[in-house]
Protein backbone atom coordinates (compact mmCIF):
# COMPACT_ATOMS: atom_id res chain seq x y z
CA MET A 1 0.00 0.00 0.00
CA HIS A 2 1.51 3.31 -1.03
CA TRP A 3 0.17 6.44 0.61
CA ASP A 4 1.47 9.52 2.37
CA PRO A 5 0.77 10.26 6.04
CA ILE A 6 -0.39 13.84 6.49
CA SER A 7 0.67 15.93 9.47
CA ILE A 8 -2.20 16.62 11.86
CA GLU A 9 -1.09 20.23 12.03
CA GLU A 10 -2.27 20.66 8.45
CA PHE A 11 -5.82 20.43 9.80
CA GLY A 12 -5.30 22.67 12.83
CA VAL A 13 -6.33 19.78 15.12
CA THR A 14 -3.78 18.69 17.72
CA GLN A 15 -5.86 17.06 20.45
CA CYS A 16 -4.50 13.59 19.75
CA GLY A 17 -1.14 14.95 18.68
CA ASP A 18 1.24 12.94 16.58
CA LEU A 19 -0.92 10.26 15.07
CA THR A 20 1.58 8.56 12.76
CA SER A 21 1.54 5.83 10.16
CA VAL A 22 3.93 3.26 8.70
CA GLN A 23 3.83 2.13 5.08
CA ASP A 24 5.38 -1.32 5.26
CA GLY A 25 5.32 -4.36 7.49
CA TYR A 26 3.03 -7.33 7.95
CA TRP A 27 -0.08 -5.25 8.44
CA ASP A 28 -1.76 -3.11 5.80
CA VAL A 29 -1.94 -0.11 8.14
CA TYR A 30 -0.03 0.98 11.24
CA TYR A 31 -0.75 3.89 13.52
CA LYS A 32 0.49 5.06 16.92
CA LEU A 33 -0.55 7.68 19.48
CA ASP A 34 2.52 9.14 21.13
CA GLN A 35 1.16 11.80 23.44
CA PRO A 36 2.61 12.80 26.80
CA HIS A 37 -0.50 14.91 27.55
CA ILE A 38 -2.92 11.95 27.33
CA GLU A 39 -3.75 11.30 30.99
CA ASP A 40 -4.44 7.93 32.55
CA GLU A 41 -8.06 8.88 33.12
CA ASP A 42 -8.53 9.94 29.49
CA TYR A 43 -10.22 7.73 26.97
CA VAL A 44 -9.28 7.63 23.29
CA THR A 45 -11.46 6.48 20.42
CA VAL A 46 -9.79 5.59 17.13
CA TYR A 47 -11.70 4.99 13.91
CA TYR A 48 -10.51 4.01 10.50
CA VAL A 49 -12.50 5.39 7.57
CA THR A 50 -12.91 3.35 4.39
CA ARG A 51 -14.56 3.49 1.01
CA ASN A 52 -16.11 0.42 -0.59
CA LYS A 53 -14.46 -0.09 -3.99
CA ASN A 54 -17.62 -1.62 -5.45
CA THR A 55 -20.37 0.63 -4.10
CA GLY A 56 -18.46 3.83 -3.29
CA ALA A 57 -19.97 3.88 0.23
CA VAL A 58 -17.89 5.69 2.89
CA ASP A 59 -17.98 4.37 6.45
CA ALA A 60 -16.07 4.58 9.75
CA TYR A 61 -15.27 1.67 12.09
CA VAL A 62 -14.01 1.73 15.67
CA LYS A 63 -10.70 -0.08 16.11
CA TRP A 64 -8.75 -1.10 19.22
CA THR A 65 -10.88 0.21 22.06
CA ASP A 66 -8.49 -1.33 24.59
CA GLN A 67 -7.08 1.85 26.11
CA ASP A 68 -3.71 0.49 27.17
CA THR A 69 -3.02 -0.74 23.64
CA ILE A 70 -4.19 2.46 22.01
CA LYS A 71 -2.16 4.71 24.30
CA ASN A 72 1.09 2.77 24.38
CA ASP A 73 1.50 0.45 21.38
CA THR A 74 1.90 0.71 17.66
CA VAL A 75 -1.34 -0.72 16.35
CA GLY A 76 -1.70 -2.58 13.07
CA PHE A 77 -4.63 -4.06 11.25
CA GLU A 78 -5.42 -5.68 7.94
CA LEU A 79 -7.64 -3.97 5.41
CA GLU A 80 -10.19 -6.09 3.56
CA ALA A 81 -9.59 -6.34 -0.17
CA ALA A 82 -12.90 -4.69 -1.06
CA PHE A 83 -12.02 -1.45 0.76
CA ASP A 84 -9.67 1.50 0.29
CA LEU A 85 -8.39 3.25 3.39
CA ILE A 86 -9.29 6.94 3.39
CA GLY A 87 -8.10 7.99 6.85
CA ILE A 88 -7.47 7.21 10.52
CA HIS A 89 -9.17 9.50 13.06
CA CYS A 90 -8.96 9.82 16.84
CA GLN A 91 -10.46 11.82 19.71
CA ILE A 92 -9.80 12.13 23.47
CA HIS A 93 -12.86 12.11 25.72
CA ASP A 94 -14.01 11.52 29.31
CA ASP A 95 -16.72 8.96 28.62
CA PRO A 96 -15.44 5.37 28.89
CA ASP A 97 -17.65 4.33 25.98
CA PRO A 98 -16.34 4.86 22.44
CA LEU A 99 -17.67 8.02 20.84
CA PRO A 100 -20.10 7.46 17.97
CA TYR A 101 -18.41 8.80 14.88
CA TYR A 102 -21.47 10.55 13.55
CA GLN A 103 -21.55 12.92 16.55
CA GLY A 104 -19.32 15.17 14.54
CA VAL A 105 -15.73 15.75 13.62
CA GLU A 106 -14.78 18.79 15.67
CA GLY A 107 -11.82 17.94 17.84
CA TRP A 108 -10.89 14.85 15.86
CA ALA A 109 -7.35 14.35 14.65
CA GLN A 110 -6.95 12.76 11.25
CA ILE A 111 -4.44 11.10 9.04
CA TRP A 112 -5.88 11.11 5.56
CA ARG A 113 -4.76 8.91 2.75
CA ARG A 114 -3.74 11.48 0.17
CA ILE A 115 -5.26 11.34 -3.32
CA PRO A 116 -2.56 10.06 -5.72
CA GLU A 117 -1.37 12.72 -8.11
CA PRO A 118 -2.28 12.68 -11.82
CA VAL A 119 0.32 11.80 -14.44
CA ILE A 120 0.74 13.93 -17.57
CA GLU A 121 0.90 11.60 -20.57
CA SER A 122 1.22 14.04 -23.48
CA ILE A 123 1.22 17.73 -24.37
CA VAL A 124 0.60 18.57 -28.01
CA LEU A 125 -0.05 21.68 -30.05
CA GLU A 126 -3.54 21.61 -31.54
CA GLY A 127 -4.48 24.03 -34.29
CA GLU A 128 -2.61 27.32 -34.35
CA ASP A 129 -2.52 28.29 -30.67
CA ASP A 130 -4.26 25.66 -28.49
CA VAL A 131 -2.45 23.16 -26.25
CA ARG A 132 -4.03 19.80 -25.33
CA ILE A 133 -2.82 18.13 -22.11
CA THR A 134 -3.72 14.44 -21.70
CA PHE A 135 -3.31 12.93 -18.24
CA GLU A 136 -3.99 9.81 -16.19
CA ASN A 137 -6.65 10.34 -13.52
CA ASN A 138 -5.30 8.55 -10.44
CA SER A 139 -7.92 9.19 -7.77
CA PHE A 140 -8.27 5.81 -6.06
CA THR A 141 -11.54 6.75 -4.34
CA GLY A 142 -13.33 7.71 -7.51
CA PRO A 143 -13.06 10.91 -9.54
CA PRO A 144 -11.75 13.97 -7.71
CA ASP A 145 -13.87 17.10 -7.60
CA SER A 146 -11.64 18.50 -10.35
CA THR A 147 -8.06 18.71 -11.61
CA GLU A 148 -6.17 22.00 -11.39
CA VAL A 149 -3.93 22.93 -14.33
CA GLN A 150 -0.95 25.24 -13.87
CA ARG A 151 1.45 26.68 -16.42
CA ARG A 152 4.71 28.61 -16.32
CA THR A 153 6.91 30.19 -18.97
CA ARG A 154 10.03 28.13 -19.66
CA PRO A 155 12.49 27.74 -18.15
CA GLU A 156 11.66 29.13 -14.67
CA GLY A 157 8.69 31.47 -14.78
CA ASP A 158 6.10 31.70 -11.98
CA TRP A 159 3.42 29.02 -11.85
CA GLU A 160 -0.11 30.25 -12.52
CA THR A 161 -3.42 28.41 -12.61
CA VAL A 162 -4.87 28.49 -16.12
CA GLY A 163 -7.94 26.32 -15.59
CA VAL A 164 -9.65 23.39 -13.91
CA ALA A 165 -10.62 20.14 -15.63
CA GLY A 166 -13.89 18.46 -14.63
CA GLU A 167 -14.12 15.48 -12.29
CA ASP A 168 -14.20 12.83 -15.03
CA ALA A 169 -11.73 14.59 -17.31
CA GLU A 170 -8.57 12.97 -18.61
CA GLU A 171 -7.54 15.91 -20.78
CA TYR A 172 -7.57 19.69 -20.73
CA LEU A 173 -7.43 22.20 -23.62
CA ASP A 174 -5.45 25.37 -22.90
CA VAL A 175 -6.75 27.79 -25.54
CA ASP A 176 -5.28 30.90 -27.18
CA VAL A 177 -1.75 30.24 -25.91
CA ASP A 178 0.93 32.79 -26.85
CA LEU A 179 3.31 30.55 -28.79
CA ALA A 180 6.13 33.07 -28.59
CA TYR A 181 7.14 31.12 -25.46
CA GLY A 182 7.67 27.53 -24.40
CA TYR A 183 5.70 26.36 -21.35
CA ASP A 184 5.88 23.86 -18.50
CA TYR A 185 2.64 22.32 -17.22
CA ARG A 186 1.74 20.52 -13.99
CA LEU A 187 -1.54 19.20 -12.55
CA ARG A 188 -3.02 18.15 -9.22
CA HIS A 189 -6.28 16.54 -8.20
CA LEU A 190 -8.46 18.68 -5.94
CA SER A 191 -9.96 16.75 -3.05
CA PRO A 192 -13.66 15.88 -2.99
CA HIS A 193 -15.59 16.58 0.22
CA MET A 194 -16.34 13.02 1.38
CA ALA A 195 -19.65 12.81 3.30
CA MET A 196 -20.84 9.94 5.47
CA ASP A 197 -23.64 8.00 3.82
CA TYR A 198 -25.74 7.85 7.00
CA ALA A 199 -25.22 11.30 8.54
CA ASP A 200 -25.61 14.94 7.65
CA VAL A 201 -22.19 15.72 9.12
CA GLY A 202 -19.43 15.54 6.51
CA LEU A 203 -15.87 14.50 7.07
CA PRO A 204 -13.18 17.16 6.95
CA PRO A 205 -11.91 17.45 3.38
CA ARG A 206 -8.94 15.36 2.43
CA PRO A 207 -5.88 17.26 1.23
CA ASN A 208 -5.33 17.78 -2.48
CA SER A 209 -2.97 15.45 -4.31
CA LYS A 210 0.66 16.26 -4.81
CA TRP A 211 1.58 18.00 -8.05
CA SER A 212 2.05 15.77 -11.05
CA ASN A 213 5.19 15.36 -13.09
CA VAL A 214 6.17 18.49 -15.03
CA ASP A 215 5.92 18.21 -18.81
CA SER A 216 6.68 20.83 -21.41
CA LEU A 217 5.45 22.37 -24.61
CA LEU A 218 8.59 23.39 -26.45
CA VAL A 219 7.47 25.86 -29.09
CA LEU A 220 9.11 24.87 -32.36
CA SER A 221 8.44 26.94 -35.45
CA ALA A 222 8.02 24.95 -38.65
CA PRO A 223 10.57 24.92 -41.48
CA THR A 224 9.63 27.01 -44.52
CA SER A 225 10.39 27.35 -48.24
CA LEU A 226 10.63 23.60 -48.90
CA SER A 227 11.69 22.97 -52.50
CA CYS A 228 12.38 19.54 -54.05
CA ASP A 229 13.82 18.76 -57.51
CA ASP A 230 14.75 15.54 -59.27
CA ASN A 231 18.22 14.69 -60.58
CA LEU A 232 19.47 12.06 -63.01
CA GLU A 233 20.32 9.20 -60.61
CA PRO A 234 17.25 9.00 -60.15
CA GLU A 235 17.17 10.98 -56.90
CA VAL A 236 15.35 13.92 -55.33
CA LYS A 237 17.09 16.82 -53.61
CA CYS A 238 15.07 18.84 -51.07
CA GLU A 239 16.09 22.18 -49.55
CA TRP A 240 14.36 24.33 -46.91
CA THR A 241 14.78 27.16 -44.40
CA ASN A 242 14.91 26.07 -40.75
CA GLY A 243 12.59 27.39 -38.03
CA ASP A 244 13.52 27.97 -34.36
CA ASN A 245 14.41 25.73 -31.38
CA GLY A 246 14.60 22.38 -33.14
CA VAL A 247 17.27 19.84 -32.18
CA ALA A 248 16.45 17.50 -35.07
CA ILE A 249 14.70 17.57 -38.45
CA GLU A 250 12.29 14.90 -39.65
CA VAL A 251 11.60 14.29 -43.35
CA LYS A 252 8.28 12.78 -44.40
CA ARG A 253 7.69 11.27 -47.85
CA ASP A 254 4.17 10.29 -48.90
CA GLY A 255 2.98 10.42 -45.27
CA VAL A 256 5.82 8.29 -43.81
CA ILE A 257 8.84 9.65 -41.87
CA VAL A 258 11.87 8.40 -43.82
CA GLU A 259 14.79 10.33 -42.30
CA THR A 260 15.84 12.18 -39.12
CA LEU A 261 18.61 14.76 -39.54
CA ASP A 262 20.72 16.81 -37.14
CA ALA A 263 19.79 20.41 -36.37
CA GLY A 264 21.13 22.99 -38.78
CA ILE A 265 20.89 20.83 -41.90
CA THR A 266 18.95 22.53 -44.69
CA GLU A 267 19.08 19.98 -47.51
CA TRP A 268 18.69 16.25 -48.06
CA ILE A 269 18.96 13.90 -51.05
CA ASP A 270 16.51 11.01 -51.36
CA THR A 271 18.10 8.16 -53.31
CA ASP A 272 15.32 5.65 -52.64
CA VAL A 273 13.21 6.72 -55.63
CA SER A 274 12.41 5.37 -59.08
CA TRP A 275 11.71 6.92 -62.44
CA ASP A 276 8.11 8.05 -62.91
CA ASP A 277 7.47 8.27 -59.14
CA THR A 278 5.34 11.19 -57.99
CA LEU A 279 6.29 12.01 -54.39
CA VAL A 280 5.13 14.47 -51.72
CA TYR A 281 7.68 15.75 -49.18
CA ARG A 282 7.32 17.66 -45.89
CA VAL A 283 9.76 18.47 -43.07
CA ARG A 284 9.37 19.45 -39.40
CA HIS A 285 11.51 20.16 -36.33
CA SER A 286 11.59 18.03 -33.18
CA GLY A 287 13.13 18.50 -29.74
CA GLU A 288 12.62 17.21 -26.17
CA GLY A 289 9.86 14.94 -27.41
CA LYS A 290 7.99 17.88 -29.01
CA PHE A 291 7.35 18.69 -32.65
CA SER A 292 6.74 21.71 -34.83
CA ALA A 293 4.01 21.81 -37.43
CA TRP A 294 4.93 20.26 -40.76
CA SER A 295 6.16 22.52 -43.52
CA ASP A 296 4.02 23.13 -46.56
CA PRO A 297 4.27 20.11 -48.90
CA ASP A 298 6.22 20.00 -52.14
CA THR A 299 5.31 17.50 -54.86
CA ILE A 300 7.84 16.27 -57.41
CA ALA A 301 7.51 13.93 -60.41
CA VAL A 302 10.77 11.98 -60.82
CA GLU A 303 11.50 12.20 -64.53
CA LYS A 304 14.60 12.06 -66.67
CA THR A 305 15.09 15.75 -67.41
CA ALA A 306 15.95 16.20 -71.07
CA PRO A 307 17.51 19.32 -72.56
CA SER A 308 14.94 21.54 -74.26
CA ASN A 309 14.46 24.51 -76.60
CA LEU A 310 17.19 23.41 -79.02
CA TYR A 311 17.82 26.16 -81.56
CA CYS A 312 20.34 25.96 -84.45
CA TYR A 313 21.39 28.53 -87.07
CA GLN A 314 24.09 29.13 -89.69
CA SER A 315 26.86 31.51 -88.74
CA PHE A 316 27.62 34.12 -91.42
CA ALA A 317 30.83 35.40 -89.91
CA PRO A 318 33.45 36.17 -92.59
CA GLY A 319 35.39 33.08 -93.62
CA GLU A 320 33.13 30.68 -91.65
CA THR A 321 30.70 28.00 -92.74
CA GLU A 322 29.38 26.72 -89.44
CA VAL A 323 26.18 25.72 -87.67
CA HIS A 324 25.76 26.93 -84.09
CA CYS A 325 23.29 25.17 -81.71
CA PHE A 326 22.10 26.25 -78.25
CA TRP A 327 19.64 24.68 -75.75
CA ASP A 328 18.30 24.84 -72.22
CA PRO A 329 20.04 22.08 -70.23
CA GLY A 330 18.38 19.63 -67.85
CA GLU A 331 19.76 18.98 -64.34
CA GLY A 332 22.60 16.92 -62.92
CA SER A 333 24.15 15.48 -66.07
CA ASP A 334 27.71 14.17 -66.48
CA SER A 335 27.73 14.92 -70.21
CA THR A 336 25.63 15.97 -73.20
CA GLU A 337 25.54 13.92 -76.40
CA VAL A 338 25.03 15.62 -79.80
CA THR A 339 23.79 13.68 -82.82
CA ARG A 340 23.15 14.77 -86.44
CA ASN A 341 21.20 13.69 -89.50
CA VAL A 342 22.04 14.92 -93.04
CA ASN A 343 19.19 15.68 -95.45
CA ASN A 344 16.56 13.91 -93.34
CA THR A 345 17.70 10.36 -94.00
CA ARG A 346 16.98 7.54 -91.59
CA TRP A 347 20.50 7.65 -90.18
CA TRP A 348 21.62 9.66 -87.15
CA PHE A 349 25.32 9.87 -86.33
CA PRO A 350 26.95 10.92 -83.03
CA GLN A 351 28.87 14.17 -83.38
CA ASP A 352 30.29 15.02 -79.95
CA THR A 353 30.11 14.44 -76.17
CA LEU A 354 30.21 17.71 -74.23
CA PRO A 355 31.28 18.32 -70.62
CA PRO A 356 28.79 19.16 -67.80
CA GLY A 357 27.35 22.65 -68.01
CA GLN A 358 28.10 23.23 -71.72
CA ALA A 359 24.85 24.11 -73.49
CA TYR A 360 26.08 24.92 -77.00
CA TYR A 361 27.68 23.11 -79.96
CA ILE A 362 29.49 24.41 -83.08
CA ASP A 363 29.44 22.14 -86.13
CA GLU A 364 32.28 23.09 -88.52
CA ASN A 365 31.91 20.00 -90.72
CA VAL A 366 29.09 21.25 -92.96
CA GLN A 367 28.74 21.81 -96.71
CA THR A 368 26.72 24.26 -98.73
CA GLY A 369 23.44 22.87 -100.05
CA ASN A 370 22.88 20.28 -97.32
CA THR A 371 20.22 20.42 -94.62
CA TYR A 372 21.42 19.32 -91.18
CA TYR A 373 19.16 18.05 -88.38
CA TYR A 374 20.31 18.10 -84.74
CA LYS A 375 19.14 16.73 -81.38
CA VAL A 376 20.83 16.42 -77.96
CA ARG A 377 20.41 14.42 -74.76
CA HIS A 378 22.03 14.18 -71.31
CA ARG A 379 23.85 11.21 -69.81
CA ARG A 380 24.74 10.36 -66.22
CA GLY A 381 26.53 7.04 -65.94
CA ALA A 382 24.37 4.48 -67.71
CA THR A 383 21.27 6.68 -67.48
CA VAL A 384 20.23 8.87 -70.39
CA THR A 385 17.39 11.33 -70.81
CA ALA A 386 15.00 11.56 -73.68
CA TRP A 387 16.20 13.48 -76.74
CA SER A 388 15.52 17.16 -77.03
CA ASN A 389 13.42 18.63 -79.80
CA ILE A 390 14.92 18.46 -83.32
CA ASP A 391 16.05 21.60 -85.13
CA SER A 392 17.41 21.91 -88.68
CA VAL A 393 19.57 24.30 -90.72
CA THR A 394 20.06 24.47 -94.51
CA VAL A 395 23.57 25.70 -95.25
CA ASN A 396 23.74 28.34 -97.99
């Protein structure tokens, strides 16, 4: 049995003095009266107060009316399995008969079994500026009256109460939170006022639970400006601008997180792609178990990017008979291959292989009266793109 003895002084009742309890041993419950001011002629009544786990009924039972035992020994007793112990109460009186408990509680000293504290399970950002706290309700005597929610600005601001969750609640929504800051949260159960089933006189309220564990909402701003492009491996390269406070970056492809990167990285190459894939990418920051919103998505079709807009013309510079060709290159090539057809026959012949980045070709091997047809393509290793458009020049 795990419960915290509560000092009698917390209730302002000291008549029986230091009523104490022990948590371990053979018995379920121990208590002892250790009072030098209890006189020989005094009588002491001790009750233990229980709650039936099945019916919820609260009741009090006299225990150990033998005065010598009560005054001088540590007393232990077993608790039946169907009951939870709520408290142990005592009172000094002159009458040799035990006091009936329902006469009232004034002058009684109590040790209450404290309500176990709640446990925060998760804190997540919901929408643009709301924070949802999910917690485990641990009141062993049924729902508490309510659960108090406190918040402070990270790292060491002052705690302030921001709201109260209802008695059956297992979550709380903190709305319109200023996300310029990170926050710590903590909770505690507020004690119900337990009343005797058979009397109009209620028991003194039990103390509130201890505060829960502290959990945090670390405000992480989302990455922005995500841009993804395909290369000729095939592969996709994504770049973005980082937000604030993240200690890691997660990359999501088609709804599945496929990579976690260190903070500060602003680009990533996805090599696990195939030609003709159409993929959707998003990135977000993470840190201390918290996450930013996802970036806006970027969609990319993985295609072999051919050169385009091929344009060829005859150069009329003095002393030259040449054809000059220019084009818009694709991306990521190792080389560009140029091929030529003369007079629109069925045969195309390779003319040259150009280095990366060169987007022009000069054909000096031409003759007046012929019509020359040109097309180009990129190569990277064994992978080639489609051919560009065809352009032709008749040499005069």
